[in-house]
N, C-alpha and C. Protein backbone atom coordinates (compact mmCIF):
# COMPACT_ATOMS: atom_id res chain seq x y z
N MET A 1 -23.35 -16.27 44.21
CA MET A 1 -22.33 -15.35 44.98
C MET A 1 -22.93 -14.03 44.78
N PRO A 2 -23.09 -13.78 45.67
CA PRO A 2 -23.57 -12.34 46.19
C PRO A 2 -22.35 -11.22 45.80
N LYS A 3 -23.33 -10.06 45.27
CA LYS A 3 -22.62 -9.06 44.99
C LYS A 3 -22.49 -8.58 46.41
N ALA A 4 -21.70 -7.33 47.03
CA ALA A 4 -21.25 -7.22 48.15
C ALA A 4 -22.02 -6.65 48.62
N SER A 5 -23.15 -5.55 48.14
CA SER A 5 -24.50 -5.22 48.40
C SER A 5 -25.60 -5.84 49.09
N GLU A 6 -25.49 -7.17 48.74
CA GLU A 6 -26.56 -7.99 49.34
C GLU A 6 -26.25 -8.66 50.08
N ILE A 7 -25.25 -8.72 50.74
CA ILE A 7 -24.26 -9.15 52.04
C ILE A 7 -25.26 -8.40 53.17
N LYS A 8 -25.80 -9.50 54.15
CA LYS A 8 -26.18 -8.86 55.54
C LYS A 8 -25.50 -9.05 56.73
N LYS A 9 -25.63 -8.18 57.78
CA LYS A 9 -25.00 -8.58 59.33
C LYS A 9 -25.27 -10.16 59.21
N ASN A 10 -24.58 -10.64 60.35
CA ASN A 10 -24.34 -11.85 60.60
C ASN A 10 -24.21 -13.12 59.56
N GLN A 11 -23.96 -12.57 58.15
CA GLN A 11 -24.00 -13.98 57.54
C GLN A 11 -22.24 -14.01 57.31
N ALA A 12 -21.94 -15.40 57.04
CA ALA A 12 -20.54 -15.70 56.81
C ALA A 12 -19.92 -15.52 55.21
N VAL A 13 -18.99 -15.23 55.08
CA VAL A 13 -18.49 -14.84 53.93
C VAL A 13 -16.97 -15.60 53.81
N GLU A 14 -16.79 -15.81 52.31
CA GLU A 14 -15.32 -16.28 52.40
C GLU A 14 -14.50 -15.30 51.85
N PHE A 15 -13.43 -14.98 51.85
CA PHE A 15 -12.16 -13.57 51.76
C PHE A 15 -10.84 -13.96 51.85
N ASP A 16 -9.97 -14.00 51.04
CA ASP A 16 -8.64 -13.90 51.07
C ASP A 16 -8.52 -15.82 51.50
N GLY A 17 -9.02 -16.69 50.99
CA GLY A 17 -9.22 -17.58 51.48
C GLY A 17 -9.75 -18.73 52.69
N ARG A 18 -10.04 -17.36 53.75
CA ARG A 18 -10.60 -17.75 55.10
C ARG A 18 -11.98 -17.49 55.01
N ALA A 19 -12.59 -18.00 55.83
CA ALA A 19 -14.16 -18.00 56.45
C ALA A 19 -14.51 -16.66 57.42
N PHE A 20 -14.90 -15.77 57.10
CA PHE A 20 -15.19 -14.84 57.91
C PHE A 20 -16.96 -14.40 58.52
N PHE A 21 -16.98 -13.52 59.45
CA PHE A 21 -18.09 -13.41 60.04
C PHE A 21 -18.37 -12.24 59.51
N VAL A 22 -19.86 -11.59 59.15
CA VAL A 22 -20.20 -9.96 58.82
C VAL A 22 -20.74 -9.73 60.31
N LYS A 23 -19.97 -8.78 61.18
CA LYS A 23 -20.56 -8.23 62.03
C LYS A 23 -21.19 -6.80 62.17
N ASP A 24 -20.75 -6.05 61.23
CA ASP A 24 -20.91 -4.48 60.87
C ASP A 24 -21.22 -4.32 59.52
N ILE A 25 -21.85 -3.83 59.08
CA ILE A 25 -22.06 -3.21 57.79
C ILE A 25 -21.74 -1.63 57.60
N GLU A 26 -21.36 -0.88 56.89
CA GLU A 26 -21.32 0.71 56.77
C GLU A 26 -21.58 1.28 55.12
N ARG A 27 -22.56 1.52 55.00
CA ARG A 27 -22.72 1.87 53.55
C ARG A 27 -22.18 3.19 53.29
N SER A 28 -21.67 3.50 52.42
CA SER A 28 -21.10 5.40 51.82
C SER A 28 -21.29 5.44 50.49
N VAL A 29 -21.86 6.60 50.08
CA VAL A 29 -21.66 7.27 49.00
C VAL A 29 -20.85 7.98 48.57
N PRO A 30 -19.44 7.68 48.26
CA PRO A 30 -18.79 8.98 48.18
C PRO A 30 -19.54 9.89 46.95
N GLN A 31 -19.20 10.99 46.71
CA GLN A 31 -19.19 12.32 46.06
C GLN A 31 -18.24 12.28 44.89
N GLY A 32 -18.74 12.22 43.63
CA GLY A 32 -17.81 12.28 42.65
C GLY A 32 -17.49 11.04 42.08
N ARG A 33 -17.86 9.85 42.49
CA ARG A 33 -17.59 8.78 42.14
C ARG A 33 -18.98 8.17 41.29
N ALA A 34 -18.91 7.75 40.13
CA ALA A 34 -20.07 7.38 39.11
C ALA A 34 -20.99 6.41 39.65
N GLY A 35 -21.84 6.80 41.00
CA GLY A 35 -22.98 6.13 41.10
C GLY A 35 -22.47 5.04 42.06
N GLY A 36 -21.05 4.68 42.41
CA GLY A 36 -20.71 3.31 42.87
C GLY A 36 -21.03 3.55 44.80
N SER A 37 -21.45 2.66 45.25
CA SER A 37 -21.70 2.48 46.85
C SER A 37 -20.48 1.78 47.26
N LEU A 38 -20.07 2.15 48.53
CA LEU A 38 -19.10 1.70 48.95
C LEU A 38 -19.46 0.89 50.54
N TYR A 39 -18.95 -0.26 50.80
CA TYR A 39 -19.54 -1.16 51.79
C TYR A 39 -18.35 -1.37 52.57
N ARG A 40 -18.46 -0.95 53.50
CA ARG A 40 -17.29 -1.05 54.63
C ARG A 40 -17.82 -1.95 55.65
N MET A 41 -16.95 -3.46 55.77
CA MET A 41 -17.53 -4.24 56.48
C MET A 41 -16.48 -4.74 57.65
N ARG A 42 -17.15 -4.64 59.00
CA ARG A 42 -16.08 -5.44 60.22
C ARG A 42 -16.34 -7.10 60.01
N LEU A 43 -14.70 -7.69 59.16
CA LEU A 43 -15.10 -9.19 59.48
C LEU A 43 -14.48 -9.52 60.61
N TYR A 44 -14.95 -10.97 61.61
CA TYR A 44 -14.11 -11.48 62.17
C TYR A 44 -13.55 -12.95 61.87
N ASP A 45 -12.32 -13.20 61.41
CA ASP A 45 -12.13 -14.71 61.16
C ASP A 45 -12.87 -15.71 62.27
N VAL A 46 -13.20 -16.47 61.57
CA VAL A 46 -14.35 -17.77 62.38
C VAL A 46 -13.34 -18.74 62.89
N VAL A 47 -11.85 -18.80 62.35
CA VAL A 47 -11.07 -19.76 63.55
C VAL A 47 -10.25 -18.82 64.53
N THR A 48 -9.59 -17.83 64.27
CA THR A 48 -8.93 -17.03 65.09
C THR A 48 -9.86 -15.98 66.10
N GLY A 49 -10.64 -15.82 65.50
CA GLY A 49 -11.59 -14.11 66.12
C GLY A 49 -10.73 -13.02 65.33
N GLN A 50 -9.80 -13.25 64.95
CA GLN A 50 -9.21 -11.85 64.29
C GLN A 50 -10.01 -10.93 63.68
N LYS A 51 -9.77 -9.30 63.79
CA LYS A 51 -10.97 -8.31 63.19
C LYS A 51 -10.05 -7.94 62.40
N VAL A 52 -10.98 -7.98 61.07
CA VAL A 52 -10.64 -7.29 59.85
C VAL A 52 -11.54 -6.41 59.15
N ASP A 53 -11.18 -5.04 58.80
CA ASP A 53 -12.03 -3.94 58.12
C ASP A 53 -11.74 -4.04 57.17
N GLU A 54 -12.78 -3.89 55.89
CA GLU A 54 -12.68 -4.57 54.81
C GLU A 54 -13.76 -3.44 53.55
N THR A 55 -13.33 -3.02 52.57
CA THR A 55 -14.19 -2.42 52.01
C THR A 55 -14.52 -2.43 50.65
N PHE A 56 -15.46 -2.85 50.39
CA PHE A 56 -15.90 -3.35 48.92
C PHE A 56 -16.59 -2.78 48.00
N LYS A 57 -16.50 -2.76 46.77
CA LYS A 57 -17.35 -1.91 45.88
C LYS A 57 -18.89 -2.75 45.62
N ASP A 58 -20.01 -2.06 45.33
CA ASP A 58 -21.47 -2.48 45.61
C ASP A 58 -21.37 -3.75 44.23
N SER A 59 -20.46 -3.20 43.48
CA SER A 59 -20.62 -4.75 42.28
C SER A 59 -19.44 -5.86 42.83
N ASP A 60 -18.83 -6.04 43.23
CA ASP A 60 -17.71 -6.91 44.21
C ASP A 60 -18.50 -7.91 44.24
N MET A 61 -17.89 -9.14 43.96
CA MET A 61 -18.75 -10.43 44.17
C MET A 61 -18.25 -11.41 45.62
N LEU A 62 -18.74 -11.71 46.38
CA LEU A 62 -18.13 -12.45 47.51
C LEU A 62 -18.60 -13.82 47.63
N ASN A 63 -18.07 -14.80 47.94
CA ASN A 63 -18.35 -16.50 48.44
C ASN A 63 -19.22 -16.51 49.81
N LEU A 64 -20.37 -16.98 49.79
CA LEU A 64 -20.86 -17.16 51.46
C LEU A 64 -20.01 -18.60 51.47
N ALA A 65 -20.06 -18.68 52.72
CA ALA A 65 -19.32 -19.51 53.56
C ALA A 65 -20.10 -20.57 54.00
N ASP A 66 -19.88 -21.56 54.39
CA ASP A 66 -21.17 -22.70 54.70
C ASP A 66 -21.70 -22.44 56.08
N LEU A 67 -22.75 -22.19 56.29
CA LEU A 67 -23.32 -21.55 57.31
C LEU A 67 -24.34 -22.66 58.08
N VAL A 68 -24.26 -23.19 59.43
CA VAL A 68 -25.60 -23.90 59.61
C VAL A 68 -25.64 -23.22 61.07
N ARG A 69 -27.12 -23.42 61.10
CA ARG A 69 -27.75 -22.74 61.87
C ARG A 69 -28.54 -23.88 63.17
N ARG A 70 -28.04 -23.99 64.50
CA ARG A 70 -28.76 -25.00 65.00
C ARG A 70 -29.38 -24.71 66.26
N PRO A 71 -30.36 -25.06 67.13
CA PRO A 71 -30.99 -24.80 67.94
C PRO A 71 -30.45 -25.46 68.97
N VAL A 72 -30.03 -24.32 69.99
CA VAL A 72 -29.32 -24.52 71.46
C VAL A 72 -29.98 -24.04 72.28
N MET A 73 -29.63 -24.22 74.02
CA MET A 73 -30.49 -23.39 74.99
C MET A 73 -28.79 -23.47 75.56
N PHE A 74 -28.61 -22.22 76.84
CA PHE A 74 -27.65 -22.08 77.36
C PHE A 74 -27.65 -23.22 78.03
N SER A 75 -26.50 -23.65 78.92
CA SER A 75 -26.37 -24.26 79.67
C SER A 75 -25.29 -24.35 80.91
N TYR A 76 -24.33 -23.43 81.15
CA TYR A 76 -23.41 -22.94 81.94
C TYR A 76 -22.23 -22.34 81.46
N ALA A 77 -21.77 -21.11 82.21
CA ALA A 77 -20.55 -20.67 82.27
C ALA A 77 -19.61 -21.24 82.98
N ASP A 78 -18.09 -21.04 82.03
CA ASP A 78 -17.25 -21.85 82.69
C ASP A 78 -16.02 -20.61 82.58
N GLY A 79 -15.58 -19.92 83.71
CA GLY A 79 -14.76 -18.30 83.17
C GLY A 79 -15.14 -17.64 82.06
N ASP A 80 -14.55 -17.54 81.20
CA ASP A 80 -15.08 -16.77 80.05
C ASP A 80 -15.49 -17.58 78.80
N GLU A 81 -15.70 -18.67 78.85
CA GLU A 81 -16.50 -19.86 78.11
C GLU A 81 -17.77 -19.58 78.73
N TYR A 82 -18.56 -19.97 77.21
CA TYR A 82 -20.34 -20.13 77.97
C TYR A 82 -20.36 -21.27 77.06
N VAL A 83 -21.11 -22.52 77.42
CA VAL A 83 -21.45 -23.56 76.95
C VAL A 83 -23.14 -23.62 76.69
N PHE A 84 -23.32 -23.91 75.27
CA PHE A 84 -24.81 -24.23 74.66
C PHE A 84 -24.71 -25.50 74.29
N MET A 85 -26.23 -26.28 74.41
CA MET A 85 -25.97 -27.44 74.20
C MET A 85 -27.35 -27.42 73.23
N ASP A 86 -26.76 -28.43 72.30
CA ASP A 86 -27.96 -28.50 70.72
C ASP A 86 -29.14 -28.98 71.40
N ASN A 87 -29.98 -28.95 71.06
CA ASN A 87 -31.50 -29.38 71.50
C ASN A 87 -31.85 -30.39 70.70
N GLU A 88 -30.89 -30.79 69.69
CA GLU A 88 -31.71 -31.93 69.09
C GLU A 88 -30.63 -33.31 69.51
N ASP A 89 -29.43 -33.12 68.97
CA ASP A 89 -28.32 -33.80 69.16
C ASP A 89 -27.53 -33.99 70.78
N PHE A 90 -27.69 -32.54 71.42
CA PHE A 90 -27.06 -32.69 72.74
C PHE A 90 -25.63 -32.28 72.30
N THR A 91 -24.96 -31.98 71.63
CA THR A 91 -23.50 -31.60 71.37
C THR A 91 -23.49 -30.21 72.27
N GLN A 92 -22.49 -30.09 72.88
CA GLN A 92 -22.03 -29.03 73.48
C GLN A 92 -21.18 -28.02 72.25
N TYR A 93 -21.43 -26.56 72.46
CA TYR A 93 -20.70 -25.69 72.21
C TYR A 93 -19.97 -24.67 72.58
N MET A 94 -19.04 -24.28 72.98
CA MET A 94 -18.26 -23.41 73.62
C MET A 94 -18.25 -21.99 72.89
N LEU A 95 -18.69 -21.17 73.56
CA LEU A 95 -18.25 -19.84 72.75
C LEU A 95 -17.45 -18.89 73.72
N ASN A 96 -16.40 -17.86 73.42
CA ASN A 96 -16.18 -16.96 74.46
C ASN A 96 -16.72 -15.79 74.33
N LYS A 97 -17.09 -15.68 75.60
CA LYS A 97 -17.48 -14.32 76.29
C LYS A 97 -17.09 -12.77 75.31
N SER A 98 -15.80 -12.92 74.87
CA SER A 98 -15.72 -11.29 74.05
C SER A 98 -16.72 -12.21 72.95
N ALA A 99 -16.98 -12.81 72.16
CA ALA A 99 -17.44 -13.03 70.93
C ALA A 99 -19.29 -12.89 70.94
N ILE A 100 -19.70 -13.16 72.23
CA ILE A 100 -21.13 -12.93 73.05
C ILE A 100 -21.33 -12.05 73.26
N GLU A 101 -20.59 -11.02 73.72
CA GLU A 101 -20.77 -10.23 74.97
C GLU A 101 -22.37 -9.55 74.96
N GLU A 102 -22.73 -8.80 73.53
CA GLU A 102 -23.71 -8.25 73.23
C GLU A 102 -25.08 -9.16 73.75
N GLU A 103 -25.40 -10.65 72.67
CA GLU A 103 -26.03 -11.61 73.07
C GLU A 103 -26.58 -12.00 74.90
N LEU A 104 -25.15 -11.91 75.50
CA LEU A 104 -25.72 -12.45 76.78
C LEU A 104 -26.74 -11.37 77.78
N LEU A 105 -27.01 -10.19 77.10
CA LEU A 105 -27.40 -9.62 77.48
C LEU A 105 -29.27 -9.74 77.48
N PHE A 106 -29.46 -10.94 76.86
CA PHE A 106 -30.78 -11.56 76.36
C PHE A 106 -31.04 -13.08 76.98
N ILE A 107 -30.04 -13.31 76.86
CA ILE A 107 -30.11 -14.96 77.62
C ILE A 107 -29.95 -15.44 78.80
N THR A 108 -31.04 -16.12 79.14
CA THR A 108 -30.99 -16.77 80.60
C THR A 108 -31.32 -18.59 80.39
N GLU A 109 -31.13 -19.14 81.47
CA GLU A 109 -31.61 -20.48 81.10
C GLU A 109 -32.81 -21.25 80.35
N GLU A 110 -33.78 -20.01 80.62
CA GLU A 110 -34.84 -20.02 80.02
C GLU A 110 -35.13 -19.37 78.59
N THR A 111 -34.59 -19.06 78.26
CA THR A 111 -34.59 -18.19 76.84
C THR A 111 -34.96 -19.56 75.52
N GLN A 112 -35.53 -19.15 75.16
CA GLN A 112 -35.84 -20.09 73.89
C GLN A 112 -35.65 -19.68 72.32
N GLY A 113 -35.40 -20.31 71.57
CA GLY A 113 -35.26 -19.88 69.89
C GLY A 113 -33.92 -19.44 69.82
N VAL A 114 -32.97 -19.81 70.79
CA VAL A 114 -31.54 -19.11 70.33
C VAL A 114 -31.02 -20.35 69.42
N MET A 115 -30.52 -19.45 68.50
CA MET A 115 -29.58 -20.14 67.47
C MET A 115 -27.92 -20.21 67.29
N ALA A 116 -27.30 -21.61 67.22
CA ALA A 116 -25.98 -21.52 67.43
C ALA A 116 -25.36 -21.03 65.71
N ILE A 117 -24.63 -20.08 65.88
CA ILE A 117 -24.26 -20.14 64.10
C ILE A 117 -22.60 -20.80 63.74
N LEU A 118 -22.76 -22.13 63.09
CA LEU A 118 -21.66 -22.71 62.90
C LEU A 118 -21.31 -22.60 61.41
N VAL A 119 -19.88 -22.53 61.57
CA VAL A 119 -18.98 -22.64 60.32
C VAL A 119 -17.83 -23.39 60.06
N SER A 120 -18.04 -24.06 59.30
CA SER A 120 -17.49 -25.65 59.69
C SER A 120 -17.02 -26.39 60.31
N ASP A 121 -18.42 -26.51 61.12
CA ASP A 121 -18.66 -27.22 62.62
C ASP A 121 -17.94 -26.32 63.46
N THR A 122 -17.83 -24.88 63.42
CA THR A 122 -17.29 -24.14 64.99
C THR A 122 -18.20 -23.09 65.04
N PRO A 123 -18.63 -23.10 66.56
CA PRO A 123 -19.60 -22.38 66.81
C PRO A 123 -18.91 -20.69 66.70
N VAL A 124 -19.14 -19.91 66.00
CA VAL A 124 -18.84 -18.57 65.93
C VAL A 124 -19.74 -17.49 66.27
N ALA A 125 -20.93 -17.99 66.90
CA ALA A 125 -21.91 -16.58 67.18
C ALA A 125 -23.63 -17.14 67.42
N LEU A 126 -24.21 -16.61 68.09
CA LEU A 126 -25.44 -16.62 68.29
C LEU A 126 -26.42 -16.08 67.71
N ASP A 127 -27.49 -16.24 67.18
CA ASP A 127 -28.41 -15.98 66.66
C ASP A 127 -29.69 -15.51 67.59
N LEU A 128 -30.39 -14.51 67.92
CA LEU A 128 -31.44 -14.33 68.94
C LEU A 128 -32.49 -14.27 68.35
N PRO A 129 -33.87 -15.04 69.29
CA PRO A 129 -35.09 -14.49 68.51
C PRO A 129 -35.33 -13.30 68.54
N PRO A 130 -36.48 -12.82 67.72
CA PRO A 130 -36.97 -10.85 67.96
C PRO A 130 -37.19 -10.65 69.42
N THR A 131 -37.93 -11.40 69.99
CA THR A 131 -38.42 -10.81 71.38
C THR A 131 -37.61 -12.16 71.94
N VAL A 132 -37.64 -11.47 73.64
CA VAL A 132 -37.01 -12.56 74.52
C VAL A 132 -37.66 -12.16 75.69
N GLU A 133 -38.11 -13.00 76.98
CA GLU A 133 -39.07 -12.76 78.01
C GLU A 133 -37.78 -12.13 79.23
N LEU A 134 -37.54 -11.48 79.81
CA LEU A 134 -36.61 -11.31 80.77
C LEU A 134 -37.26 -10.80 82.13
N THR A 135 -36.86 -11.08 83.28
CA THR A 135 -37.32 -10.72 84.60
C THR A 135 -36.63 -9.39 85.36
N ILE A 136 -37.67 -8.50 85.43
CA ILE A 136 -36.83 -7.43 86.27
C ILE A 136 -36.47 -7.77 88.08
N GLU A 137 -35.31 -7.31 87.57
CA GLU A 137 -34.40 -7.38 89.14
C GLU A 137 -34.60 -5.95 89.78
N GLU A 138 -34.90 -5.00 89.44
CA GLU A 138 -34.72 -3.52 90.14
C GLU A 138 -35.41 -2.82 89.23
N THR A 139 -36.72 -1.92 89.83
CA THR A 139 -36.92 -0.55 89.31
C THR A 139 -37.76 0.18 90.66
N ASP A 140 -37.56 1.14 90.49
CA ASP A 140 -38.64 2.21 91.24
C ASP A 140 -40.09 1.42 91.48
N PRO A 141 -40.51 1.90 92.47
CA PRO A 141 -41.79 1.23 92.70
C PRO A 141 -42.69 1.53 91.88
N SER A 142 -43.92 1.11 91.68
CA SER A 142 -45.00 1.17 90.72
C SER A 142 -45.71 2.16 91.23
N VAL A 143 -46.01 3.54 89.99
CA VAL A 143 -47.09 4.19 90.38
C VAL A 143 -48.52 3.91 90.04
N LYS A 144 -49.42 4.39 91.27
CA LYS A 144 -50.84 3.65 90.75
C LYS A 144 -50.77 4.73 89.64
N GLY A 145 -51.88 4.46 88.57
CA GLY A 145 -52.57 4.85 88.01
C GLY A 145 -51.34 5.27 86.80
N GLY A 146 -50.45 4.64 86.85
CA GLY A 146 -49.29 5.06 86.12
C GLY A 146 -49.17 4.42 84.95
N SER A 147 -50.38 3.56 84.43
CA SER A 147 -50.66 3.42 83.35
C SER A 147 -51.34 4.33 81.74
N ALA A 148 -51.60 5.28 82.45
CA ALA A 148 -52.15 6.51 81.90
C ALA A 148 -51.22 7.19 81.11
N THR A 149 -50.36 7.07 81.80
CA THR A 149 -49.22 8.43 81.63
C THR A 149 -48.60 7.36 80.60
N ALA A 150 -47.40 8.52 79.48
CA ALA A 150 -46.32 7.79 78.71
C ALA A 150 -45.55 7.83 79.52
N ARG A 151 -45.17 7.99 80.86
CA ARG A 151 -44.04 8.30 81.42
C ARG A 151 -43.27 7.19 81.83
N THR A 152 -41.82 7.04 81.56
CA THR A 152 -41.40 5.69 81.80
C THR A 152 -40.18 5.50 82.84
N LYS A 153 -39.21 4.77 83.23
CA LYS A 153 -38.28 4.39 84.40
C LYS A 153 -37.46 3.60 84.11
N PRO A 154 -36.21 3.63 84.32
CA PRO A 154 -35.13 2.56 84.34
C PRO A 154 -35.60 1.36 84.82
N ALA A 155 -35.40 0.50 84.08
CA ALA A 155 -35.56 -1.37 84.89
C ALA A 155 -34.20 -2.01 84.94
N HIS A 156 -33.71 -2.86 86.19
CA HIS A 156 -32.70 -3.38 85.78
C HIS A 156 -32.97 -4.88 85.74
N LEU A 157 -32.73 -5.42 84.61
CA LEU A 157 -32.85 -7.14 84.27
C LEU A 157 -32.08 -7.56 84.91
N THR A 158 -32.50 -9.33 85.04
CA THR A 158 -31.73 -10.29 85.91
C THR A 158 -30.15 -10.51 85.03
N THR A 159 -30.35 -10.13 83.76
CA THR A 159 -29.20 -10.31 82.41
C THR A 159 -28.29 -9.04 82.98
N GLY A 160 -28.49 -8.14 83.18
CA GLY A 160 -27.72 -6.76 83.37
C GLY A 160 -28.19 -5.65 82.24
N LEU A 161 -29.25 -6.15 81.12
CA LEU A 161 -29.63 -5.17 80.58
C LEU A 161 -30.48 -4.06 81.43
N VAL A 162 -30.54 -2.91 80.81
CA VAL A 162 -31.22 -1.90 81.50
C VAL A 162 -32.35 -1.47 80.37
N VAL A 163 -33.55 -1.45 80.44
CA VAL A 163 -34.12 -0.83 79.58
C VAL A 163 -35.31 0.25 80.05
N GLN A 164 -36.11 0.99 79.73
CA GLN A 164 -37.15 1.94 79.89
C GLN A 164 -38.52 1.37 80.01
N VAL A 165 -39.26 1.21 81.05
CA VAL A 165 -40.52 0.24 81.24
C VAL A 165 -41.47 1.63 81.67
N PRO A 166 -42.83 1.34 81.53
CA PRO A 166 -43.92 2.09 81.85
C PRO A 166 -43.95 2.00 83.45
N GLU A 167 -44.52 2.98 84.07
CA GLU A 167 -44.43 3.21 85.51
C GLU A 167 -45.05 2.17 86.15
N HIS A 168 -46.09 1.80 85.68
CA HIS A 168 -46.88 0.51 86.25
C HIS A 168 -46.25 -0.77 86.56
N ILE A 169 -45.27 -1.06 85.65
CA ILE A 169 -44.60 -1.96 85.78
C ILE A 169 -43.44 -2.27 87.26
N SER A 170 -43.75 -3.48 87.88
CA SER A 170 -42.58 -3.30 89.34
C SER A 170 -41.71 -4.39 89.14
N THR A 171 -40.88 -4.37 90.24
CA THR A 171 -39.61 -5.38 90.60
C THR A 171 -40.39 -6.67 90.85
N GLY A 172 -40.01 -7.89 90.04
CA GLY A 172 -40.05 -9.18 89.82
C GLY A 172 -41.11 -9.75 88.28
N ASP A 173 -41.57 -8.44 88.00
CA ASP A 173 -42.72 -8.41 86.76
C ASP A 173 -41.50 -9.09 85.46
N ARG A 174 -42.10 -10.17 84.73
CA ARG A 174 -41.47 -10.27 83.26
C ARG A 174 -42.07 -10.04 82.44
N ILE A 175 -40.87 -9.31 81.55
CA ILE A 175 -41.76 -8.56 80.12
C ILE A 175 -40.92 -8.84 79.26
N LYS A 176 -41.50 -8.75 78.02
CA LYS A 176 -41.06 -9.08 76.34
C LYS A 176 -40.11 -7.61 76.07
N VAL A 177 -38.98 -8.03 75.35
CA VAL A 177 -38.23 -7.19 75.50
C VAL A 177 -37.69 -7.61 73.90
N ASN A 178 -38.04 -6.24 73.16
CA ASN A 178 -37.57 -6.75 71.56
C ASN A 178 -35.62 -6.36 71.66
N VAL A 179 -35.64 -7.63 71.19
CA VAL A 179 -34.10 -7.75 71.06
C VAL A 179 -32.72 -6.90 70.21
N GLU A 180 -33.35 -6.50 69.08
CA GLU A 180 -33.37 -5.61 67.90
C GLU A 180 -32.84 -4.07 68.36
N GLU A 181 -34.06 -3.63 69.27
CA GLU A 181 -34.10 -2.37 69.56
C GLU A 181 -33.82 -1.83 70.92
N ARG A 182 -33.50 -3.30 71.60
CA ARG A 182 -33.44 -2.99 73.06
C ARG A 182 -34.76 -2.16 74.04
N LYS A 183 -35.87 -2.55 73.69
CA LYS A 183 -37.24 -1.96 73.89
C LYS A 183 -38.04 -2.77 74.66
N PHE A 184 -38.86 -1.99 75.71
CA PHE A 184 -39.77 -3.18 76.38
C PHE A 184 -40.95 -3.10 75.69
N LEU A 185 -41.49 -4.36 75.27
CA LEU A 185 -42.77 -4.70 74.22
C LEU A 185 -44.21 -4.69 75.18
N SER A 186 -43.97 -5.83 76.05
CA SER A 186 -45.21 -5.58 77.00
C SER A 186 -44.92 -6.38 78.32
N ARG A 187 -45.88 -6.92 79.38
CA ARG A 187 -45.41 -7.92 80.16
C ARG A 187 -45.94 -9.18 79.62
N ALA A 188 -44.75 -9.96 80.10
CA ALA A 188 -44.84 -11.48 79.68
C ALA A 188 -46.31 -12.34 79.92
């Protein structure tokens, strides 16, 4: 049973007899309190998807929910439902677009290292690798000698994500993108 201060983003916790997925954590240290930090967590119910904002003291004890990570790959989209197939036993997991909107900016059919997070055998979220390879769909023409300068230009990727890239990168190039910071790392 970890304390509230030890809970990390993307963990599943049990609260009020239900399993919740932690999407966001804000730490605040109110003045005048005897050294106690407060952790405001945005929780999403695993079953219903209902959003709950809850504040915990740093010493509050929380139970971790049973969390399983399964390697998956994107299979196809069916309306607002996105289907991912388990790489090992070929089970199909359906996730609603609203639950994984941020992650979809980094996922193509070729993306490797994606994990489906299951709580009580129900898919609740995706865990992405630290870096992904994506293809540039559109960017300004490359500039000769542009690698010698530190100037950048916007590049629209095939997933809809827009990142800043060096001037020598051109349309059609495959690049590595840091998922956490949404930044260009290198050519793939």
